[in-house]
Amino acid sequence: HAWDAAASLSYGDRRALEIAVALAAEPRILFLDEPTSGLGAEATRRLGQLVKRLRERYTIVMIEHDMRFLFELADRISVIHWGQVIAEGTPAQLGDNKWVRRSALAEATHA
């Protein structure tokens, strides 16, 4: 059965399968909720490559705590801390933002 085959996949491959299932619905916007959560470095790298290919065809809205992952992939970023937007802009604009760094550091220490 298909469910048995999916259950035997690695966690990273299951995340990729979840994206494939979402794409089967031919969305105009693809929402990804913490796609790197629980992934190791290699699976995160592969997921990043997949997202790079997908962003050529889809608008992608992503909720993600891995700031490196976001800065590598995003055209625009909104940083939300405790329900408030504390910064918005391109990765280049946000790279030196002290509020973004503090927010990312706070997330890393509470992860």
N, C-alpha and C. Protein backbone atom coordinates (compact mmCIF):
# COMPACT_ATOMS: atom_id res chain seq x y z
N HIS A 1 0.82 -1.18 0.00
CA HIS A 1 0.00 0.00 0.00
C HIS A 1 0.87 1.26 0.00
N ALA A 2 0.31 2.32 -0.52
CA ALA A 2 1.04 3.59 -0.60
C ALA A 2 1.40 4.12 0.78
N TRP A 3 0.49 3.95 1.76
CA TRP A 3 0.77 4.47 3.11
C TRP A 3 1.95 3.75 3.73
N ASP A 4 2.04 2.43 3.47
CA ASP A 4 3.16 1.67 4.01
C ASP A 4 4.47 2.13 3.40
N ALA A 5 4.45 2.40 2.10
CA ALA A 5 5.66 2.88 1.43
C ALA A 5 6.06 4.25 1.95
N ALA A 6 5.10 5.13 2.15
CA ALA A 6 5.40 6.47 2.68
C ALA A 6 5.94 6.38 4.09
N ALA A 7 5.41 5.47 4.89
CA ALA A 7 5.85 5.33 6.28
C ALA A 7 7.29 4.85 6.36
N SER A 8 7.77 4.16 5.33
CA SER A 8 9.14 3.65 5.35
C SER A 8 10.16 4.69 4.90
N LEU A 9 9.71 5.84 4.42
CA LEU A 9 10.62 6.89 3.98
C LEU A 9 11.29 7.56 5.17
N SER A 10 12.46 8.13 4.92
CA SER A 10 13.11 8.93 5.96
C SER A 10 12.25 10.15 6.24
N TYR A 11 12.49 10.78 7.38
CA TYR A 11 11.70 11.96 7.75
C TYR A 11 11.83 13.05 6.69
N GLY A 12 13.04 13.29 6.21
CA GLY A 12 13.25 14.30 5.17
C GLY A 12 12.52 13.98 3.89
N ASP A 13 12.53 12.71 3.50
CA ASP A 13 11.81 12.31 2.29
C ASP A 13 10.30 12.42 2.49
N ARG A 14 9.83 12.17 3.71
CA ARG A 14 8.39 12.36 3.98
C ARG A 14 8.01 13.83 3.85
N ARG A 15 8.89 14.73 4.30
CA ARG A 15 8.61 16.16 4.15
C ARG A 15 8.53 16.52 2.66
N ALA A 16 9.44 15.98 1.85
CA ALA A 16 9.40 16.22 0.40
C ALA A 16 8.12 15.65 -0.20
N LEU A 17 7.69 14.49 0.27
CA LEU A 17 6.44 13.89 -0.20
C LEU A 17 5.25 14.77 0.16
N GLU A 18 5.26 15.35 1.35
CA GLU A 18 4.18 16.27 1.75
C GLU A 18 4.09 17.45 0.78
N ILE A 19 5.24 17.96 0.37
CA ILE A 19 5.26 19.08 -0.59
C ILE A 19 4.72 18.60 -1.93
N ALA A 20 5.11 17.40 -2.35
CA ALA A 20 4.62 16.86 -3.63
C ALA A 20 3.10 16.71 -3.61
N VAL A 21 2.57 16.24 -2.50
CA VAL A 21 1.11 16.09 -2.38
C VAL A 21 0.44 17.46 -2.48
N ALA A 22 1.02 18.46 -1.82
CA ALA A 22 0.46 19.82 -1.90
C ALA A 22 0.51 20.34 -3.33
N LEU A 23 1.59 20.06 -4.04
CA LEU A 23 1.73 20.53 -5.42
C LEU A 23 0.75 19.84 -6.37
N ALA A 24 0.32 18.64 -6.02
CA ALA A 24 -0.65 17.93 -6.87
C ALA A 24 -1.96 18.70 -6.98
N ALA A 25 -2.24 19.54 -6.00
CA ALA A 25 -3.46 20.35 -6.03
C ALA A 25 -3.29 21.60 -6.89
N GLU A 26 -2.12 21.77 -7.50
CA GLU A 26 -1.80 22.91 -8.36
C GLU A 26 -2.11 24.25 -7.70
N PRO A 27 -1.50 24.49 -6.54
CA PRO A 27 -1.77 25.76 -5.84
C PRO A 27 -1.09 26.93 -6.52
N ARG A 28 -1.64 28.11 -6.33
CA ARG A 28 -0.95 29.32 -6.79
C ARG A 28 0.07 29.75 -5.74
N ILE A 29 -0.25 29.47 -4.49
CA ILE A 29 0.63 29.81 -3.38
C ILE A 29 0.89 28.53 -2.59
N LEU A 30 2.15 28.26 -2.32
CA LEU A 30 2.54 27.10 -1.53
C LEU A 30 2.93 27.57 -0.14
N PHE A 31 2.22 27.09 0.87
CA PHE A 31 2.51 27.45 2.26
C PHE A 31 3.34 26.33 2.89
N LEU A 32 4.48 26.70 3.46
CA LEU A 32 5.35 25.73 4.14
C LEU A 32 5.49 26.16 5.59
N ASP A 33 5.05 25.31 6.49
CA ASP A 33 5.10 25.61 7.92
C ASP A 33 6.28 24.86 8.55
N GLU A 34 7.33 25.59 8.85
CA GLU A 34 8.55 25.06 9.45
C GLU A 34 9.05 23.81 8.71
N PRO A 35 9.34 23.93 7.43
CA PRO A 35 9.73 22.75 6.66
C PRO A 35 11.03 22.10 7.11
N THR A 36 11.92 22.83 7.77
CA THR A 36 13.19 22.23 8.20
C THR A 36 13.12 21.63 9.60
N SER A 37 12.00 21.78 10.27
CA SER A 37 11.86 21.27 11.63
C SER A 37 12.13 19.77 11.67
N GLY A 38 13.06 19.37 12.51
CA GLY A 38 13.37 17.96 12.67
C GLY A 38 14.30 17.38 11.62
N LEU A 39 14.76 18.21 10.68
CA LEU A 39 15.64 17.72 9.63
C LEU A 39 17.11 17.90 10.01
N GLY A 40 17.93 16.98 9.57
CA GLY A 40 19.37 17.11 9.72
C GLY A 40 19.93 18.02 8.64
N ALA A 41 21.24 18.22 8.69
CA ALA A 41 21.90 19.15 7.76
C ALA A 41 21.73 18.74 6.30
N GLU A 42 21.90 17.46 6.00
CA GLU A 42 21.80 17.01 4.61
C GLU A 42 20.37 17.12 4.09
N ALA A 43 19.41 16.72 4.89
CA ALA A 43 18.00 16.83 4.47
C ALA A 43 17.60 18.29 4.30
N THR A 44 18.11 19.17 5.16
CA THR A 44 17.83 20.60 5.03
C THR A 44 18.43 21.14 3.74
N ARG A 45 19.64 20.70 3.40
CA ARG A 45 20.28 21.14 2.16
C ARG A 45 19.45 20.70 0.95
N ARG A 46 19.00 19.44 0.95
CA ARG A 46 18.19 18.94 -0.16
C ARG A 46 16.86 19.67 -0.25
N LEU A 47 16.25 19.94 0.89
CA LEU A 47 15.00 20.70 0.90
C LEU A 47 15.22 22.10 0.34
N GLY A 48 16.34 22.72 0.69
CA GLY A 48 16.66 24.04 0.15
C GLY A 48 16.77 24.01 -1.37
N GLN A 49 17.39 22.97 -1.91
CA GLN A 49 17.49 22.83 -3.37
C GLN A 49 16.10 22.69 -3.99
N LEU A 50 15.24 21.93 -3.34
CA LEU A 50 13.88 21.76 -3.84
C LEU A 50 13.13 23.09 -3.83
N VAL A 51 13.23 23.82 -2.73
CA VAL A 51 12.54 25.11 -2.63
C VAL A 51 13.06 26.08 -3.68
N LYS A 52 14.37 26.07 -3.94
CA LYS A 52 14.93 26.95 -4.98
C LYS A 52 14.30 26.66 -6.34
N ARG A 53 14.10 25.38 -6.64
CA ARG A 53 13.47 25.03 -7.92
C ARG A 53 12.00 25.44 -7.93
N LEU A 54 11.32 25.21 -6.82
CA LEU A 54 9.88 25.51 -6.76
C LEU A 54 9.59 27.00 -6.83
N ARG A 55 10.47 27.82 -6.29
CA ARG A 55 10.19 29.26 -6.25
C ARG A 55 10.20 29.89 -7.64
N GLU A 56 10.71 29.17 -8.62
CA GLU A 56 10.65 29.66 -10.00
C GLU A 56 9.23 29.58 -10.55
N ARG A 57 8.41 28.68 -10.00
CA ARG A 57 7.05 28.48 -10.52
C ARG A 57 5.95 28.86 -9.55
N TYR A 58 6.28 28.96 -8.27
CA TYR A 58 5.25 29.17 -7.25
C TYR A 58 5.62 30.34 -6.34
N THR A 59 4.58 30.99 -5.83
CA THR A 59 4.77 31.91 -4.72
C THR A 59 4.82 31.04 -3.47
N ILE A 60 5.85 31.22 -2.67
CA ILE A 60 6.02 30.39 -1.47
C ILE A 60 5.98 31.29 -0.24
N VAL A 61 5.10 30.94 0.68
CA VAL A 61 5.03 31.61 1.98
C VAL A 61 5.51 30.59 3.00
N MET A 62 6.55 30.96 3.75
CA MET A 62 7.17 30.00 4.65
C MET A 62 7.26 30.56 6.06
N ILE A 63 6.89 29.74 7.01
CA ILE A 63 7.13 30.02 8.42
C ILE A 63 8.33 29.17 8.79
N GLU A 64 9.39 29.80 9.26
CA GLU A 64 10.63 29.05 9.51
C GLU A 64 11.45 29.74 10.58
N HIS A 65 12.05 28.94 11.46
CA HIS A 65 12.91 29.47 12.51
C HIS A 65 14.39 29.44 12.11
N ASP A 66 14.73 28.67 11.09
CA ASP A 66 16.12 28.57 10.65
C ASP A 66 16.44 29.78 9.77
N MET A 67 17.03 30.81 10.39
CA MET A 67 17.28 32.07 9.68
C MET A 67 18.26 31.88 8.52
N ARG A 68 19.24 31.01 8.67
CA ARG A 68 20.17 30.77 7.55
C ARG A 68 19.42 30.24 6.34
N PHE A 69 18.54 29.30 6.59
CA PHE A 69 17.74 28.72 5.52
C PHE A 69 16.93 29.81 4.82
N LEU A 70 16.28 30.65 5.61
CA LEU A 70 15.47 31.74 5.05
C LEU A 70 16.31 32.74 4.27
N PHE A 71 17.42 33.16 4.85
CA PHE A 71 18.25 34.17 4.20
C PHE A 71 18.81 33.66 2.87
N GLU A 72 18.99 32.35 2.77
CA GLU A 72 19.51 31.77 1.53
C GLU A 72 18.44 31.69 0.44
N LEU A 73 17.17 31.58 0.84
CA LEU A 73 16.11 31.29 -0.12
C LEU A 73 15.12 32.41 -0.39
N ALA A 74 14.93 33.29 0.58
CA ALA A 74 13.82 34.23 0.49
C ALA A 74 14.15 35.47 -0.32
N ASP A 75 13.14 35.98 -1.00
CA ASP A 75 13.24 37.29 -1.65
C ASP A 75 12.92 38.39 -0.64
N ARG A 76 11.92 38.12 0.21
CA ARG A 76 11.51 39.07 1.25
C ARG A 76 11.23 38.28 2.52
N ILE A 77 11.50 38.93 3.65
CA ILE A 77 11.32 38.28 4.95
C ILE A 77 10.58 39.24 5.87
N SER A 78 9.62 38.70 6.60
CA SER A 78 8.98 39.42 7.71
C SER A 78 9.35 38.65 8.97
N VAL A 79 9.96 39.33 9.91
CA VAL A 79 10.36 38.70 11.17
C VAL A 79 9.30 39.02 12.21
N ILE A 80 8.72 37.97 12.76
CA ILE A 80 7.67 38.13 13.77
C ILE A 80 8.21 37.60 15.09
N HIS A 81 8.12 38.42 16.11
CA HIS A 81 8.59 38.04 17.44
C HIS A 81 7.48 38.32 18.43
N TRP A 82 7.02 37.27 19.11
CA TRP A 82 5.92 37.39 20.06
C TRP A 82 4.69 38.07 19.43
N GLY A 83 4.38 37.67 18.18
CA GLY A 83 3.18 38.16 17.52
C GLY A 83 3.29 39.52 16.88
N GLN A 84 4.44 40.15 16.95
CA GLN A 84 4.64 41.48 16.38
C GLN A 84 5.66 41.42 15.25
N VAL A 85 5.36 42.09 14.15
CA VAL A 85 6.34 42.21 13.07
C VAL A 85 7.40 43.20 13.53
N ILE A 86 8.64 42.71 13.67
CA ILE A 86 9.72 43.58 14.16
C ILE A 86 10.63 44.05 13.04
N ALA A 87 10.55 43.39 11.88
CA ALA A 87 11.38 43.80 10.75
C ALA A 87 10.83 43.17 9.47
N GLU A 88 11.01 43.90 8.37
CA GLU A 88 10.63 43.39 7.05
C GLU A 88 11.64 43.89 6.04
N GLY A 89 11.89 43.08 5.03
CA GLY A 89 12.78 43.51 3.96
C GLY A 89 13.42 42.33 3.26
N THR A 90 14.40 42.65 2.44
CA THR A 90 15.15 41.61 1.74
C THR A 90 16.17 41.03 2.71
N PRO A 91 16.72 39.86 2.41
CA PRO A 91 17.77 39.32 3.27
C PRO A 91 18.94 40.31 3.43
N ALA A 92 19.30 41.00 2.37
CA ALA A 92 20.40 41.98 2.47
C ALA A 92 20.05 43.11 3.42
N GLN A 93 18.81 43.56 3.37
CA GLN A 93 18.39 44.65 4.25
C GLN A 93 18.33 44.21 5.71
N LEU A 94 18.01 42.95 5.95
CA LEU A 94 17.83 42.47 7.31
C LEU A 94 19.10 41.88 7.93
N GLY A 95 20.11 41.67 7.11
CA GLY A 95 21.32 41.01 7.59
C GLY A 95 21.99 41.67 8.77
N ASP A 96 21.95 42.98 8.84
CA ASP A 96 22.60 43.70 9.93
C ASP A 96 21.61 44.27 10.94
N ASN A 97 20.35 43.86 10.85
CA ASN A 97 19.33 44.40 11.74
C ASN A 97 19.47 43.80 13.14
N LYS A 98 19.69 44.64 14.13
CA LYS A 98 19.93 44.13 15.49
C LYS A 98 18.72 43.40 16.05
N TRP A 99 17.51 43.81 15.67
CA TRP A 99 16.31 43.15 16.17
C TRP A 99 16.17 41.75 15.58
N VAL A 100 16.55 41.60 14.33
CA VAL A 100 16.51 40.28 13.69
C VAL A 100 17.53 39.37 14.36
N ARG A 101 18.74 39.87 14.59
CA ARG A 101 19.77 39.06 15.25
C ARG A 101 19.33 38.66 16.65
N ARG A 102 18.76 39.58 17.39
CA ARG A 102 18.31 39.27 18.76
C ARG A 102 17.19 38.23 18.73
N SER A 103 16.27 38.38 17.80
CA SER A 103 15.17 37.43 17.70
C SER A 103 15.69 36.04 17.35
N ALA A 104 16.61 35.97 16.39
CA ALA A 104 17.19 34.68 15.98
C ALA A 104 17.97 34.06 17.13
N LEU A 105 18.70 34.86 17.87
CA LEU A 105 19.46 34.36 19.01
C LEU A 105 18.52 33.84 20.08
N ALA A 106 17.45 34.57 20.34
CA ALA A 106 16.48 34.12 21.34
C ALA A 106 15.86 32.79 20.93
N GLU A 107 15.54 32.62 19.65
CA GLU A 107 14.97 31.36 19.17
C GLU A 107 15.97 30.24 19.35
N ALA A 108 17.24 30.49 19.01
CA ALA A 108 18.27 29.45 19.10
C ALA A 108 18.48 29.00 20.54
N THR A 109 18.39 29.91 21.48
CA THR A 109 18.63 29.54 22.88
C THR A 109 17.42 28.86 23.51
N HIS A 110 16.24 29.00 22.90
CA HIS A 110 15.05 28.35 23.44
C HIS A 110 14.64 27.12 22.64
N ALA A 111 15.41 26.78 21.63
CA ALA A 111 15.06 25.62 20.79
C ALA A 111 15.43 24.32 21.48
